[in-house]
Amino acid sequence: MDYFITVLGMGIVTYIPRFLPLFFFTNRQLPAWVEEGLDFLPAAILGALVFPLLFLPAGGQEITLLQPHLLSAIPTILFALKTRSLAGTVLVGMGSFWLLEQIL
């Protein structure tokens, strides 16, 4: 029974932050500056998730530039910008990370 209550509580806590904006803003027009600002949200979230992994691997406290995480990001980003291929980008990223991990 405790498991059911825990899962139900987690579902409610997850659902409410998604429901409230839909409930309050569905029939309202947002100001143009808010809509323009919301366009930057996905890039900001992605940057907040990726940059610490690239510059501070394994939760370290100092930035190291010669490490596989950061160096493998360079060919991966270039490949992604040139081809726009998700599968190819994943393969290039995994391959370059593996290769650099063997070298360094």
PDB file of N, CA and C in Angstrom:
ATOM      1  N   MET A   1       0.818  -1.192   0.000  1.00  0.00           N
ATOM      2  CA  MET A   1       0.000   0.000   0.000  1.00  0.00           C
ATOM      3  C   MET A   1       0.866   1.263   0.000  1.00  0.00           C
ATOM      4  N   ASP A   2       1.984   1.242   0.748  1.00  0.00           N
ATOM      5  CA  ASP A   2       2.879   2.396   0.769  1.00  0.00           C
ATOM      6  C   ASP A   2       3.454   2.680  -0.604  1.00  0.00           C
ATOM      7  N   TYR A   3       3.746   1.599  -1.353  1.00  0.00           N
ATOM      8  CA  TYR A   3       4.286   1.748  -2.697  1.00  0.00           C
ATOM      9  C   TYR A   3       3.285   2.466  -3.590  1.00  0.00           C
ATOM     10  N   PHE A   4       2.016   2.089  -3.491  1.00  0.00           N
ATOM     11  CA  PHE A   4       0.971   2.713  -4.303  1.00  0.00           C
ATOM     12  C   PHE A   4       0.845   4.198  -3.983  1.00  0.00           C
ATOM     13  N   ILE A   5       0.877   4.543  -2.711  1.00  0.00           N
ATOM     14  CA  ILE A   5       0.764   5.944  -2.306  1.00  0.00           C
ATOM     15  C   ILE A   5       1.969   6.738  -2.792  1.00  0.00           C
ATOM     16  N   THR A   6       3.149   6.128  -2.723  1.00  0.00           N
ATOM     17  CA  THR A   6       4.359   6.802  -3.197  1.00  0.00           C
ATOM     18  C   THR A   6       4.280   7.075  -4.688  1.00  0.00           C
ATOM     19  N   VAL A   7       3.882   6.070  -5.457  1.00  0.00           N
ATOM     20  CA  VAL A   7       3.773   6.235  -6.914  1.00  0.00           C
ATOM     21  C   VAL A   7       2.693   7.253  -7.252  1.00  0.00           C
ATOM     22  N   LEU A   8       1.595   7.208  -6.569  1.00  0.00           N
ATOM     23  CA  LEU A   8       0.517   8.173  -6.806  1.00  0.00           C
ATOM     24  C   LEU A   8       0.985   9.594  -6.487  1.00  0.00           C
ATOM     25  N   GLY A   9       1.681   9.750  -5.351  1.00  0.00           N
ATOM     26  CA  GLY A   9       2.203  11.072  -4.982  1.00  0.00           C
ATOM     27  C   GLY A   9       3.202  11.595  -5.998  1.00  0.00           C
ATOM     28  N   MET A  10       4.099  10.720  -6.475  1.00  0.00           N
ATOM     29  CA  MET A  10       5.076  11.153  -7.485  1.00  0.00           C
ATOM     30  C   MET A  10       4.377  11.536  -8.788  1.00  0.00           C
ATOM     31  N   GLY A  11       3.331  10.807  -9.136  1.00  0.00           N
ATOM     32  CA  GLY A  11       2.577  11.147 -10.341  1.00  0.00           C
ATOM     33  C   GLY A  11       1.908  12.504 -10.232  1.00  0.00           C
ATOM     34  N   ILE A  12       1.335  12.785  -9.068  1.00  0.00           N
ATOM     35  CA  ILE A  12       0.680  14.079  -8.854  1.00  0.00           C
ATOM     36  C   ILE A  12       1.703  15.209  -8.887  1.00  0.00           C
ATOM     37  N   VAL A  13       2.834  15.012  -8.218  1.00  0.00           N
ATOM     38  CA  VAL A  13       3.877  16.039  -8.191  1.00  0.00           C
ATOM     39  C   VAL A  13       4.435  16.287  -9.587  1.00  0.00           C
ATOM     40  N   THR A  14       4.482  15.271 -10.424  1.00  0.00           N
ATOM     41  CA  THR A  14       4.957  15.432 -11.795  1.00  0.00           C
ATOM     42  C   THR A  14       3.894  16.090 -12.678  1.00  0.00           C
ATOM     43  N   TYR A  15       2.643  15.769 -12.452  1.00  0.00           N
ATOM     44  CA  TYR A  15       1.557  16.238 -13.304  1.00  0.00           C
ATOM     45  C   TYR A  15       1.217  17.710 -13.067  1.00  0.00           C
ATOM     46  N   ILE A  16       1.231  18.148 -11.829  1.00  0.00           N
ATOM     47  CA  ILE A  16       0.793  19.514 -11.493  1.00  0.00           C
ATOM     48  C   ILE A  16       1.620  20.584 -12.206  1.00  0.00           C
ATOM     49  N   PRO A  17       2.970  20.531 -12.212  1.00  0.00           N
ATOM     50  CA  PRO A  17       3.702  21.595 -12.921  1.00  0.00           C
ATOM     51  C   PRO A  17       3.463  21.597 -14.427  1.00  0.00           C
ATOM     52  N   ARG A  18       3.033  20.490 -14.972  1.00  0.00           N
ATOM     53  CA  ARG A  18       2.721  20.462 -16.408  1.00  0.00           C
ATOM     54  C   ARG A  18       1.314  20.965 -16.686  1.00  0.00           C
ATOM     55  N   PHE A  19       0.406  20.702 -15.762  1.00  0.00           N
ATOM     56  CA  PHE A  19      -0.992  21.066 -15.954  1.00  0.00           C
ATOM     57  C   PHE A  19      -1.258  22.547 -15.722  1.00  0.00           C
ATOM     58  N   LEU A  20      -0.649  23.121 -14.687  1.00  0.00           N
ATOM     59  CA  LEU A  20      -0.965  24.506 -14.323  1.00  0.00           C
ATOM     60  C   LEU A  20      -0.714  25.515 -15.446  1.00  0.00           C
ATOM     61  N   PRO A  21       0.442  25.494 -16.136  1.00  0.00           N
ATOM     62  CA  PRO A  21       0.603  26.443 -17.240  1.00  0.00           C
ATOM     63  C   PRO A  21      -0.426  26.239 -18.355  1.00  0.00           C
ATOM     64  N   LEU A  22      -0.755  24.996 -18.646  1.00  0.00           N
ATOM     65  CA  LEU A  22      -1.774  24.752 -19.671  1.00  0.00           C
ATOM     66  C   LEU A  22      -3.124  25.300 -19.227  1.00  0.00           C
ATOM     67  N   PHE A  23      -3.454  25.119 -17.977  1.00  0.00           N
ATOM     68  CA  PHE A  23      -4.729  25.583 -17.454  1.00  0.00           C
ATOM     69  C   PHE A  23      -4.832  27.108 -17.479  1.00  0.00           C
ATOM     70  N   PHE A  24      -3.767  27.788 -17.066  1.00  0.00           N
ATOM     71  CA  PHE A  24      -3.835  29.240 -16.941  1.00  0.00           C
ATOM     72  C   PHE A  24      -3.572  29.988 -18.251  1.00  0.00           C
ATOM     73  N   PHE A  25      -2.813  29.404 -19.179  1.00  0.00           N
ATOM     74  CA  PHE A  25      -2.395  30.155 -20.366  1.00  0.00           C
ATOM     75  C   PHE A  25      -2.998  29.649 -21.672  1.00  0.00           C
ATOM     76  N   THR A  26      -3.921  28.707 -21.631  1.00  0.00           N
ATOM     77  CA  THR A  26      -4.479  28.156 -22.857  1.00  0.00           C
ATOM     78  C   THR A  26      -5.244  29.203 -23.659  1.00  0.00           C
ATOM     79  N   ASN A  27      -6.076  29.968 -23.029  1.00  0.00           N
ATOM     80  CA  ASN A  27      -6.915  30.942 -23.743  1.00  0.00           C
ATOM     81  C   ASN A  27      -6.399  32.369 -23.633  1.00  0.00           C
ATOM     82  N   ARG A  28      -5.141  32.531 -23.266  1.00  0.00           N
ATOM     83  CA  ARG A  28      -4.573  33.875 -23.118  1.00  0.00           C
ATOM     84  C   ARG A  28      -3.442  34.072 -24.115  1.00  0.00           C
ATOM     85  N   GLN A  29      -3.305  35.290 -24.573  1.00  0.00           N
ATOM     86  CA  GLN A  29      -2.212  35.653 -25.469  1.00  0.00           C
ATOM     87  C   GLN A  29      -1.058  36.183 -24.612  1.00  0.00           C
ATOM     88  N   LEU A  30       0.084  35.562 -24.734  1.00  0.00           N
ATOM     89  CA  LEU A  30       1.257  36.017 -23.992  1.00  0.00           C
ATOM     90  C   LEU A  30       1.876  37.217 -24.688  1.00  0.00           C
ATOM     91  N   PRO A  31       2.520  38.098 -23.938  1.00  0.00           N
ATOM     92  CA  PRO A  31       3.221  39.220 -24.574  1.00  0.00           C
ATOM     93  C   PRO A  31       4.321  38.694 -25.499  1.00  0.00           C
ATOM     94  N   ALA A  32       4.633  39.482 -26.503  1.00  0.00           N
ATOM     95  CA  ALA A  32       5.623  39.067 -27.497  1.00  0.00           C
ATOM     96  C   ALA A  32       6.983  38.802 -26.861  1.00  0.00           C
ATOM     97  N   TRP A  33       7.367  39.603 -25.863  1.00  0.00           N
ATOM     98  CA  TRP A  33       8.679  39.421 -25.248  1.00  0.00           C
ATOM     99  C   TRP A  33       8.756  38.103 -24.472  1.00  0.00           C
ATOM    100  N   VAL A  34       7.622  37.637 -23.927  1.00  0.00           N
ATOM    101  CA  VAL A  34       7.612  36.349 -23.226  1.00  0.00           C
ATOM    102  C   VAL A  34       7.761  35.213 -24.230  1.00  0.00           C
ATOM    103  N   GLU A  35       7.034  35.307 -25.343  1.00  0.00           N
ATOM    104  CA  GLU A  35       7.142  34.268 -26.367  1.00  0.00           C
ATOM    105  C   GLU A  35       8.548  34.209 -26.953  1.00  0.00           C
ATOM    106  N   GLU A  36       9.165  35.376 -27.169  1.00  0.00           N
ATOM    107  CA  GLU A  36      10.541  35.390 -27.675  1.00  0.00           C
ATOM    108  C   GLU A  36      11.505  34.790 -26.658  1.00  0.00           C
ATOM    109  N   GLY A  37      11.291  35.080 -25.395  1.00  0.00           N
ATOM    110  CA  GLY A  37      12.140  34.519 -24.349  1.00  0.00           C
ATOM    111  C   GLY A  37      11.986  33.012 -24.224  1.00  0.00           C
ATOM    112  N   LEU A  38      10.770  32.518 -24.407  1.00  0.00           N
ATOM    113  CA  LEU A  38      10.536  31.073 -24.325  1.00  0.00           C
ATOM    114  C   LEU A  38      11.211  30.311 -25.462  1.00  0.00           C
ATOM    115  N   ASP A  39      11.502  30.993 -26.563  1.00  0.00           N
ATOM    116  CA  ASP A  39      12.214  30.338 -27.667  1.00  0.00           C
ATOM    117  C   ASP A  39      13.624  29.931 -27.266  1.00  0.00           C
ATOM    118  N   PHE A  40      14.211  30.622 -26.287  1.00  0.00           N
ATOM    119  CA  PHE A  40      15.570  30.314 -25.847  1.00  0.00           C
ATOM    120  C   PHE A  40      15.611  29.229 -24.771  1.00  0.00           C
ATOM    121  N   LEU A  41      14.475  28.835 -24.263  1.00  0.00           N
ATOM    122  CA  LEU A  41      14.430  27.884 -23.158  1.00  0.00           C
ATOM    123  C   LEU A  41      15.042  26.522 -23.484  1.00  0.00           C
ATOM    124  N   PRO A  42      14.728  25.881 -24.627  1.00  0.00           N
ATOM    125  CA  PRO A  42      15.351  24.579 -24.908  1.00  0.00           C
ATOM    126  C   PRO A  42      16.876  24.650 -24.997  1.00  0.00           C
ATOM    127  N   ALA A  43      17.413  25.685 -25.622  1.00  0.00           N
ATOM    128  CA  ALA A  43      18.866  25.815 -25.720  1.00  0.00           C
ATOM    129  C   ALA A  43      19.487  26.052 -24.349  1.00  0.00           C
ATOM    130  N   ALA A  44      18.821  26.816 -23.506  1.00  0.00           N
ATOM    131  CA  ALA A  44      19.346  27.072 -22.163  1.00  0.00           C
ATOM    132  C   ALA A  44      19.344  25.799 -21.322  1.00  0.00           C
ATOM    133  N   ILE A  45      18.296  25.012 -21.423  1.00  0.00           N
ATOM    134  CA  ILE A  45      18.226  23.760 -20.668  1.00  0.00           C
ATOM    135  C   ILE A  45      19.285  22.783 -21.171  1.00  0.00           C
ATOM    136  N   LEU A  46      19.419  22.672 -22.485  1.00  0.00           N
ATOM    137  CA  LEU A  46      20.430  21.771 -23.045  1.00  0.00           C
ATOM    138  C   LEU A  46      21.830  22.196 -22.611  1.00  0.00           C
ATOM    139  N   GLY A  47      22.109  23.486 -22.665  1.00  0.00           N
ATOM    140  CA  GLY A  47      23.415  23.976 -22.228  1.00  0.00           C
ATOM    141  C   GLY A  47      23.672  23.697 -20.756  1.00  0.00           C
ATOM    142  N   ALA A  48      22.635  23.879 -19.928  1.00  0.00           N
ATOM    143  CA  ALA A  48      22.793  23.625 -18.501  1.00  0.00           C
ATOM    144  C   ALA A  48      23.047  22.153 -18.213  1.00  0.00           C
ATOM    145  N   LEU A  49      22.526  21.276 -19.038  1.00  0.00           N
ATOM    146  CA  LEU A  49      22.750  19.839 -18.843  1.00  0.00           C
ATOM    147  C   LEU A  49      24.084  19.370 -19.407  1.00  0.00           C
ATOM    148  N   VAL A  50      24.476  19.911 -20.561  1.00  0.00           N
ATOM    149  CA  VAL A  50      25.639  19.390 -21.273  1.00  0.00           C
ATOM    150  C   VAL A  50      26.952  20.013 -20.801  1.00  0.00           C
ATOM    151  N   PHE A  51      27.006  21.304 -20.598  1.00  0.00           N
ATOM    152  CA  PHE A  51      28.275  21.965 -20.295  1.00  0.00           C
ATOM    153  C   PHE A  51      28.977  21.444 -19.039  1.00  0.00           C
ATOM    154  N   PRO A  52      28.272  21.190 -17.933  1.00  0.00           N
ATOM    155  CA  PRO A  52      28.989  20.618 -16.787  1.00  0.00           C
ATOM    156  C   PRO A  52      29.584  19.241 -17.094  1.00  0.00           C
ATOM    157  N   LEU A  53      28.895  18.455 -17.921  1.00  0.00           N
ATOM    158  CA  LEU A  53      29.416  17.140 -18.283  1.00  0.00           C
ATOM    159  C   LEU A  53      30.670  17.254 -19.147  1.00  0.00           C
ATOM    160  N   LEU A  54      30.726  18.288 -19.971  1.00  0.00           N
ATOM    161  CA  LEU A  54      31.884  18.459 -20.846  1.00  0.00           C
ATOM    162  C   LEU A  54      33.089  19.022 -20.107  1.00  0.00           C
ATOM    163  N   PHE A  55      32.867  19.996 -19.254  1.00  0.00           N
ATOM    164  CA  PHE A  55      33.973  20.699 -18.625  1.00  0.00           C
ATOM    165  C   PHE A  55      34.348  20.163 -17.250  1.00  0.00           C
ATOM    166  N   LEU A  56      33.406  19.528 -16.562  1.00  0.00           N
ATOM    167  CA  LEU A  56      33.669  19.005 -15.227  1.00  0.00           C
ATOM    168  C   LEU A  56      33.245  17.537 -15.151  1.00  0.00           C
ATOM    169  N   PRO A  57      33.962  16.641 -15.831  1.00  0.00           N
ATOM    170  CA  PRO A  57      33.549  15.242 -15.835  1.00  0.00           C
ATOM    171  C   PRO A  57      33.680  14.614 -14.453  1.00  0.00           C
ATOM    172  N   ALA A  58      32.804  13.675 -14.159  1.00  0.00           N
ATOM    173  CA  ALA A  58      32.799  12.930 -12.895  1.00  0.00           C
ATOM    174  C   ALA A  58      32.663  13.850 -11.686  1.00  0.00           C
ATOM    175  N   GLY A  59      32.002  14.981 -11.854  1.00  0.00           N
ATOM    176  CA  GLY A  59      31.747  15.882 -10.735  1.00  0.00           C
ATOM    177  C   GLY A  59      32.980  16.557 -10.177  1.00  0.00           C
ATOM    178  N   GLY A  60      34.007  16.700 -10.997  1.00  0.00           N
ATOM    179  CA  GLY A  60      35.240  17.337 -10.541  1.00  0.00           C
ATOM    180  C   GLY A  60      35.045  18.806 -10.235  1.00  0.00           C
ATOM    181  N   GLN A  61      36.031  19.383  -9.603  1.00  0.00           N
ATOM    182  CA  GLN A  61      35.953  20.778  -9.211  1.00  0.00           C
ATOM    183  C   GLN A  61      36.793  21.695 -10.079  1.00  0.00           C
ATOM    184  N   GLU A  62      37.633  21.135 -10.940  1.00  0.00           N
ATOM    185  CA  GLU A  62      38.460  21.982 -11.786  1.00  0.00           C
ATOM    186  C   GLU A  62      38.240  21.632 -13.256  1.00  0.00           C
ATOM    187  N   ILE A  63      38.327  22.646 -14.084  1.00  0.00           N
ATOM    188  CA  ILE A  63      38.111  22.473 -15.513  1.00  0.00           C
ATOM    189  C   ILE A  63      39.378  21.921 -16.147  1.00  0.00           C
ATOM    190  N   THR A  64      39.203  20.830 -16.899  1.00  0.00           N
ATOM    191  CA  THR A  64      40.329  20.258 -17.641  1.00  0.00           C
ATOM    192  C   THR A  64      39.959  20.234 -19.114  1.00  0.00           C
ATOM    193  N   LEU A  65      40.851  20.741 -19.940  1.00  0.00           N
ATOM    194  CA  LEU A  65      40.563  20.838 -21.364  1.00  0.00           C
ATOM    195  C   LEU A  65      40.984  19.588 -22.136  1.00  0.00           C
ATOM    196  N   LEU A  66      42.027  18.931 -21.721  1.00  0.00           N
ATOM    197  CA  LEU A  66      42.496  17.744 -22.438  1.00  0.00           C
ATOM    198  C   LEU A  66      41.883  16.484 -21.836  1.00  0.00           C
ATOM    199  N   GLN A  67      40.608  16.318 -22.053  1.00  0.00           N
ATOM    200  CA  GLN A  67      39.917  15.135 -21.585  1.00  0.00           C
ATOM    201  C   GLN A  67      38.919  14.696 -22.650  1.00  0.00           C
ATOM    202  N   PRO A  68      38.621  13.394 -22.728  1.00  0.00           N
ATOM    203  CA  PRO A  68      37.814  12.864 -23.837  1.00  0.00           C
ATOM    204  C   PRO A  68      36.425  13.476 -23.965  1.00  0.00           C
ATOM    205  N   HIS A  69      35.786  13.819 -22.866  1.00  0.00           N
ATOM    206  CA  HIS A  69      34.433  14.365 -22.934  1.00  0.00           C
ATOM    207  C   HIS A  69      34.386  15.646 -23.778  1.00  0.00           C
ATOM    208  N   LEU A  70      35.303  16.539 -23.508  1.00  0.00           N
ATOM    209  CA  LEU A  70      35.313  17.830 -24.198  1.00  0.00           C
ATOM    210  C   LEU A  70      35.854  17.701 -25.618  1.00  0.00           C
ATOM    211  N   LEU A  71      36.932  16.963 -25.784  1.00  0.00           N
ATOM    212  CA  LEU A  71      37.547  16.849 -27.112  1.00  0.00           C
ATOM    213  C   LEU A  71      36.643  16.093 -28.087  1.00  0.00           C
ATOM    214  N   SER A  72      35.903  15.109 -27.619  1.00  0.00           N
ATOM    215  CA  SER A  72      35.008  14.385 -28.526  1.00  0.00           C
ATOM    216  C   SER A  72      33.791  15.218 -28.914  1.00  0.00           C
ATOM    217  N   ALA A  73      33.494  16.242 -28.142  1.00  0.00           N
ATOM    218  CA  ALA A  73      32.362  17.108 -28.486  1.00  0.00           C
ATOM    219  C   ALA A  73      32.649  17.933 -29.733  1.00  0.00           C
ATOM    220  N   ILE A  74      33.912  18.240 -29.984  1.00  0.00           N
ATOM    221  CA  ILE A  74      34.254  19.103 -31.134  1.00  0.00           C
ATOM    222  C   ILE A  74      33.888  18.447 -32.462  1.00  0.00           C
ATOM    223  N   PRO A  75      34.385  17.234 -32.791  1.00  0.00           N
ATOM    224  CA  PRO A  75      33.966  16.635 -34.060  1.00  0.00           C
ATOM    225  C   PRO A  75      32.479  16.291 -34.090  1.00  0.00           C
ATOM    226  N   THR A  76      31.916  15.989 -32.930  1.00  0.00           N
ATOM    227  CA  THR A  76      30.492  15.657 -32.888  1.00  0.00           C
ATOM    228  C   THR A  76      29.638  16.861 -33.256  1.00  0.00           C
ATOM    229  N   ILE A  77      29.960  18.017 -32.693  1.00  0.00           N
ATOM    230  CA  ILE A  77      29.193  19.237 -33.001  1.00  0.00           C
ATOM    231  C   ILE A  77      29.376  19.630 -34.457  1.00  0.00           C
ATOM    232  N   LEU A  78      30.603  19.553 -34.958  1.00  0.00           N
ATOM    233  CA  LEU A  78      30.846  19.893 -36.369  1.00  0.00           C
ATOM    234  C   LEU A  78      30.078  18.966 -37.301  1.00  0.00           C
ATOM    235  N   PHE A  79      30.086  17.664 -37.007  1.00  0.00           N
ATOM    236  CA  PHE A  79      29.344  16.707 -37.826  1.00  0.00           C
ATOM    237  C   PHE A  79      27.843  16.998 -37.777  1.00  0.00           C
ATOM    238  N   ALA A  80      27.333  17.284 -36.576  1.00  0.00           N
ATOM    239  CA  ALA A  80      25.904  17.569 -36.430  1.00  0.00           C
ATOM    240  C   ALA A  80      25.501  18.817 -37.211  1.00  0.00           C
ATOM    241  N   LEU A  81      26.318  19.856 -37.153  1.00  0.00           N
ATOM    242  CA  LEU A  81      25.989  21.087 -37.882  1.00  0.00           C
ATOM    243  C   LEU A  81      26.030  20.893 -39.389  1.00  0.00           C
ATOM    244  N   LYS A  82      26.956  20.041 -39.851  1.00  0.00           N
ATOM    245  CA  LYS A  82      27.102  19.851 -41.293  1.00  0.00           C
ATOM    246  C   LYS A  82      26.037  18.923 -41.860  1.00  0.00           C
ATOM    247  N   THR A  83      25.716  17.834 -41.164  1.00  0.00           N
ATOM    248  CA  THR A  83      24.844  16.810 -41.750  1.00  0.00           C
ATOM    249  C   THR A  83      23.413  16.842 -41.234  1.00  0.00           C
ATOM    250  N   ARG A  84      23.194  17.320 -40.023  1.00  0.00           N
ATOM    251  CA  ARG A  84      21.872  17.296 -39.377  1.00  0.00           C
ATOM    252  C   ARG A  84      21.350  15.868 -39.224  1.00  0.00           C
ATOM    253  N   SER A  85      22.238  14.902 -39.118  1.00  0.00           N
ATOM    254  CA  SER A  85      21.868  13.496 -38.977  1.00  0.00           C
ATOM    255  C   SER A  85      22.014  13.086 -37.517  1.00  0.00           C
ATOM    256  N   LEU A  86      20.909  12.725 -36.894  1.00  0.00           N
ATOM    257  CA  LEU A  86      20.948  12.344 -35.487  1.00  0.00           C
ATOM    258  C   LEU A  86      21.726  11.046 -35.289  1.00  0.00           C
ATOM    259  N   ALA A  87      21.431  10.039 -36.106  1.00  0.00           N
ATOM    260  CA  ALA A  87      22.114   8.748 -35.960  1.00  0.00           C
ATOM    261  C   ALA A  87      23.609   8.902 -36.228  1.00  0.00           C
ATOM    262  N   GLY A  88      23.966   9.632 -37.264  1.00  0.00           N
ATOM    263  CA  GLY A  88      25.372   9.852 -37.573  1.00  0.00           C
ATOM    264  C   GLY A  88      26.084  10.622 -36.478  1.00  0.00           C
ATOM    265  N   THR A  89      25.397  11.601 -35.905  1.00  0.00           N
ATOM    266  CA  THR A  89      25.985  12.389 -34.828  1.00  0.00           C
ATOM    267  C   THR A  89      26.252  11.520 -33.611  1.00  0.00           C
ATOM    268  N   VAL A  90      25.319  10.656 -33.277  1.00  0.00           N
ATOM    269  CA  VAL A  90      25.511   9.753 -32.142  1.00  0.00           C
ATOM    270  C   VAL A  90      26.700   8.834 -32.398  1.00  0.00           C
ATOM    271  N   LEU A  91      26.793   8.292 -33.600  1.00  0.00           N
ATOM    272  CA  LEU A  91      27.911   7.398 -33.934  1.00  0.00           C
ATOM    273  C   LEU A  91      29.249   8.125 -33.902  1.00  0.00           C
ATOM    274  N   VAL A  92      29.293   9.329 -34.456  1.00  0.00           N
ATOM    275  CA  VAL A  92      30.536  10.108 -34.429  1.00  0.00           C
ATOM    276  C   VAL A  92      30.912  10.454 -32.989  1.00  0.00           C
ATOM    277  N   GLY A  93      29.947  10.828 -32.182  1.00  0.00           N
ATOM    278  CA  GLY A  93      30.225  11.151 -30.790  1.00  0.00           C
ATOM    279  C   GLY A  93      30.735   9.960 -30.008  1.00  0.00           C
ATOM    280  N   MET A  94      30.083   8.825 -30.183  1.00  0.00           N
ATOM    281  CA  MET A  94      30.510   7.621 -29.465  1.00  0.00           C
ATOM    282  C   MET A  94      31.879   7.153 -29.947  1.00  0.00           C
ATOM    283  N   GLY A  95      32.070   7.189 -31.256  1.00  0.00           N
ATOM    284  CA  GLY A  95      33.349   6.747 -31.811  1.00  0.00           C
ATOM    285  C   GLY A  95      34.498   7.651 -31.410  1.00  0.00           C
ATOM    286  N   SER A  96      34.282   8.950 -31.484  1.00  0.00           N
ATOM    287  CA  SER A  96      35.366   9.867 -31.120  1.00  0.00           C
ATOM    288  C   SER A  96      35.652   9.813 -29.623  1.00  0.00           C
ATOM    289  N   PHE A  97      34.630   9.626 -28.806  1.00  0.00           N
ATOM    290  CA  PHE A  97      34.850   9.496 -27.369  1.00  0.00           C
ATOM    291  C   PHE A  97      35.647   8.220 -27.067  1.00  0.00           C
ATOM    292  N   TRP A  98      35.262   7.110 -27.695  1.00  0.00           N
ATOM    293  CA  TRP A  98      35.982   5.855 -27.468  1.00  0.00           C
ATOM    294  C   TRP A  98      37.447   5.994 -27.899  1.00  0.00           C
ATOM    295  N   LEU A  99      37.669   6.561 -29.081  1.00  0.00           N
ATOM    296  CA  LEU A  99      39.028   6.723 -29.595  1.00  0.00           C
ATOM    297  C   LEU A  99      39.863   7.610 -28.674  1.00  0.00           C
ATOM    298  N   LEU A 100      39.319   8.727 -28.262  1.00  0.00           N
ATOM    299  CA  LEU A 100      40.054   9.637 -27.390  1.00  0.00           C
ATOM    300  C   LEU A 100      40.287   9.036 -26.003  1.00  0.00           C
ATOM    301  N   GLU A 101      39.362   8.249 -25.543  1.00  0.00           N
ATOM    302  CA  GLU A 101      39.549   7.587 -24.253  1.00  0.00           C
ATOM    303  C   GLU A 101      40.698   6.576 -24.314  1.00  0.00           C
ATOM    304  N   GLN A 102      40.877   5.938 -25.490  1.00  0.00           N
ATOM    305  CA  GLN A 102      41.986   4.999 -25.668  1.00  0.00           C
ATOM    306  C   GLN A 102      43.324   5.725 -25.762  1.00  0.00           C
ATOM    307  N   ILE A 103      43.297   6.888 -26.393  1.00  0.00           N
ATOM    308  CA  ILE A 103      44.535   7.645 -26.610  1.00  0.00           C
ATOM    309  C   ILE A 103      44.982   8.354 -25.333  1.00  0.00           C
ATOM    310  N   LEU A 104      44.027   9.031 -24.684  1.00  0.00           N
ATOM    311  CA  LEU A 104      44.373   9.820 -23.491  1.00  0.00           C
ATOM    312  C   LEU A 104      44.352   8.912 -22.319  1.00  0.00           C
TER     313      LEU A 104
END
